[in-house]
Amino acid sequence: MKKLILAVALAATLAACAKRPDAIVQADIPMQAYTNLGCPQIAQLHTTEKKKLDDLSKQQISAANGDAFGVFLVGVPIGSVAGGDKEGEVAVSKGKVSAMESAALSKGCKL
């Protein structure tokens, strides 16, 4: 019985850990949000959003590393508890980048 409780507690703790950016699924953002823009505008927004995604990904990696370290030392995902988990923001940013790339492709723009 003690082993079962320990296994459930461990599974719950690991489930609360921050995901790595590459494991986060992008949010569903329609490309129509960007098809009314010209190629230069899409390219500018794409560059800005890619930089934001890179920054968020670095923060998410730090949160995931902090969680792994915290779970190893004290059994608590420290990065997520401290508010470092940026999973939602990474998902939205990935969705925007993908939508911009699809819009640019449909318009024949180069990014």
Protein backbone atom coordinates (compact mmCIF):
# COMPACT_ATOMS: atom_id res chain seq x y z
CA MET A 1 0.00 0.00 0.00
CA LYS A 2 2.84 2.38 0.84
CA LYS A 3 4.45 1.67 -2.54
CA LEU A 4 1.19 2.53 -4.32
CA ILE A 5 0.86 5.84 -2.47
CA LEU A 6 4.50 6.66 -3.20
CA ALA A 7 4.04 5.82 -6.89
CA VAL A 8 0.91 7.98 -7.17
CA ALA A 9 2.64 10.89 -5.39
CA LEU A 10 5.67 10.59 -7.67
CA ALA A 11 3.49 10.47 -10.79
CA ALA A 12 1.55 13.55 -9.66
CA THR A 13 4.76 15.44 -8.96
CA LEU A 14 6.27 14.57 -12.34
CA ALA A 15 3.04 15.49 -14.14
CA ALA A 16 3.25 18.98 -12.64
CA CYS A 17 6.71 19.59 -14.11
CA ALA A 18 7.22 22.17 -16.83
CA LYS A 19 7.46 20.71 -20.33
CA ARG A 20 10.37 21.31 -22.65
CA PRO A 21 9.48 23.80 -25.44
CA ASP A 22 9.73 21.14 -28.16
CA ALA A 23 7.10 19.06 -26.30
CA ILE A 24 4.57 21.91 -26.25
CA VAL A 25 1.89 21.77 -28.93
CA GLN A 26 1.20 25.03 -30.71
CA ALA A 27 -2.08 26.88 -30.14
CA ASP A 28 -4.52 26.87 -33.04
CA ILE A 29 -4.18 30.36 -34.57
CA PRO A 30 -5.89 30.84 -37.96
CA MET A 31 -3.69 32.13 -40.76
CA GLN A 32 -6.55 34.44 -41.74
CA ALA A 33 -5.44 36.66 -38.88
CA TYR A 34 -2.44 37.60 -41.07
CA THR A 35 -3.63 37.24 -44.68
CA ASN A 36 -4.92 40.84 -44.76
CA LEU A 37 -1.36 42.10 -44.17
CA GLY A 38 1.26 42.77 -46.81
CA CYS A 39 4.46 40.74 -47.13
CA PRO A 40 6.67 43.34 -45.38
CA GLN A 41 4.27 43.50 -42.42
CA ILE A 42 4.10 39.72 -42.11
CA ALA A 43 7.89 39.50 -42.30
CA GLN A 44 8.30 42.13 -39.58
CA LEU A 45 5.73 40.49 -37.28
CA HIS A 46 7.29 37.08 -37.96
CA THR A 47 10.75 38.32 -36.96
CA THR A 48 9.39 39.88 -33.77
CA GLU A 49 7.36 36.79 -32.83
CA LYS A 50 10.26 34.41 -33.55
CA LYS A 51 12.45 36.43 -31.17
CA LYS A 52 9.70 36.33 -28.55
CA LEU A 53 9.35 32.55 -29.05
CA ASP A 54 13.11 32.10 -28.64
CA ASP A 55 13.05 34.11 -25.39
CA LEU A 56 10.03 32.21 -24.06
CA SER A 57 11.66 28.90 -25.00
CA LYS A 58 14.77 29.80 -23.01
CA GLN A 59 12.60 30.66 -20.01
CA GLN A 60 10.67 27.41 -20.42
CA ILE A 61 13.89 25.39 -20.54
CA SER A 62 15.00 27.09 -17.32
CA ALA A 63 11.66 26.24 -15.69
CA ALA A 64 11.91 22.61 -16.85
CA ASN A 65 15.47 22.35 -15.55
CA GLY A 66 14.43 23.95 -12.26
CA ASP A 67 11.57 21.47 -11.95
CA ALA A 68 13.81 18.50 -12.60
CA PHE A 69 16.33 19.78 -10.07
CA GLY A 70 13.64 20.59 -7.50
CA VAL A 71 11.93 17.22 -7.85
CA PHE A 72 15.29 15.49 -7.48
CA LEU A 73 16.23 17.44 -4.34
CA VAL A 74 12.99 18.10 -2.48
CA GLY A 75 10.23 16.43 -4.48
CA VAL A 76 8.66 19.71 -5.62
CA PRO A 77 8.74 21.19 -9.15
CA ILE A 78 10.29 24.49 -8.08
CA GLY A 79 10.28 26.15 -11.52
CA SER A 80 6.53 25.68 -11.98
CA VAL A 81 5.68 26.58 -8.40
CA ALA A 82 7.67 29.82 -8.70
CA GLY A 83 5.71 30.86 -11.81
CA GLY A 84 8.45 30.05 -14.31
CA ASP A 85 6.29 27.76 -16.46
CA LYS A 86 5.54 29.56 -19.76
CA GLU A 87 3.76 26.66 -21.49
CA GLY A 88 0.69 28.68 -22.51
CA GLU A 89 2.74 31.57 -23.85
CA VAL A 90 5.02 29.22 -25.80
CA ALA A 91 1.98 27.48 -27.33
CA VAL A 92 0.42 30.78 -28.44
CA SER A 93 3.71 32.09 -29.82
CA LYS A 94 4.27 28.85 -31.76
CA GLY A 95 0.75 29.14 -33.16
CA LYS A 96 1.32 32.74 -34.26
CA VAL A 97 4.60 31.89 -35.97
CA SER A 98 2.99 28.98 -37.78
CA ALA A 99 -0.01 31.10 -38.85
CA MET A 100 2.30 33.83 -40.15
CA GLU A 101 4.36 31.28 -42.09
CA SER A 102 1.19 29.80 -43.62
CA ALA A 103 -0.14 33.26 -44.53
CA ALA A 104 3.20 34.22 -46.08
CA LEU A 105 3.29 30.98 -48.09
CA SER A 106 -0.26 31.49 -49.35
CA LYS A 107 0.63 35.04 -50.48
CA GLY A 108 3.95 34.05 -52.01
CA CYS A 109 5.97 36.05 -49.49
CA LYS A 110 9.49 35.16 -48.41
CA LEU A 111 10.30 35.27 -44.73
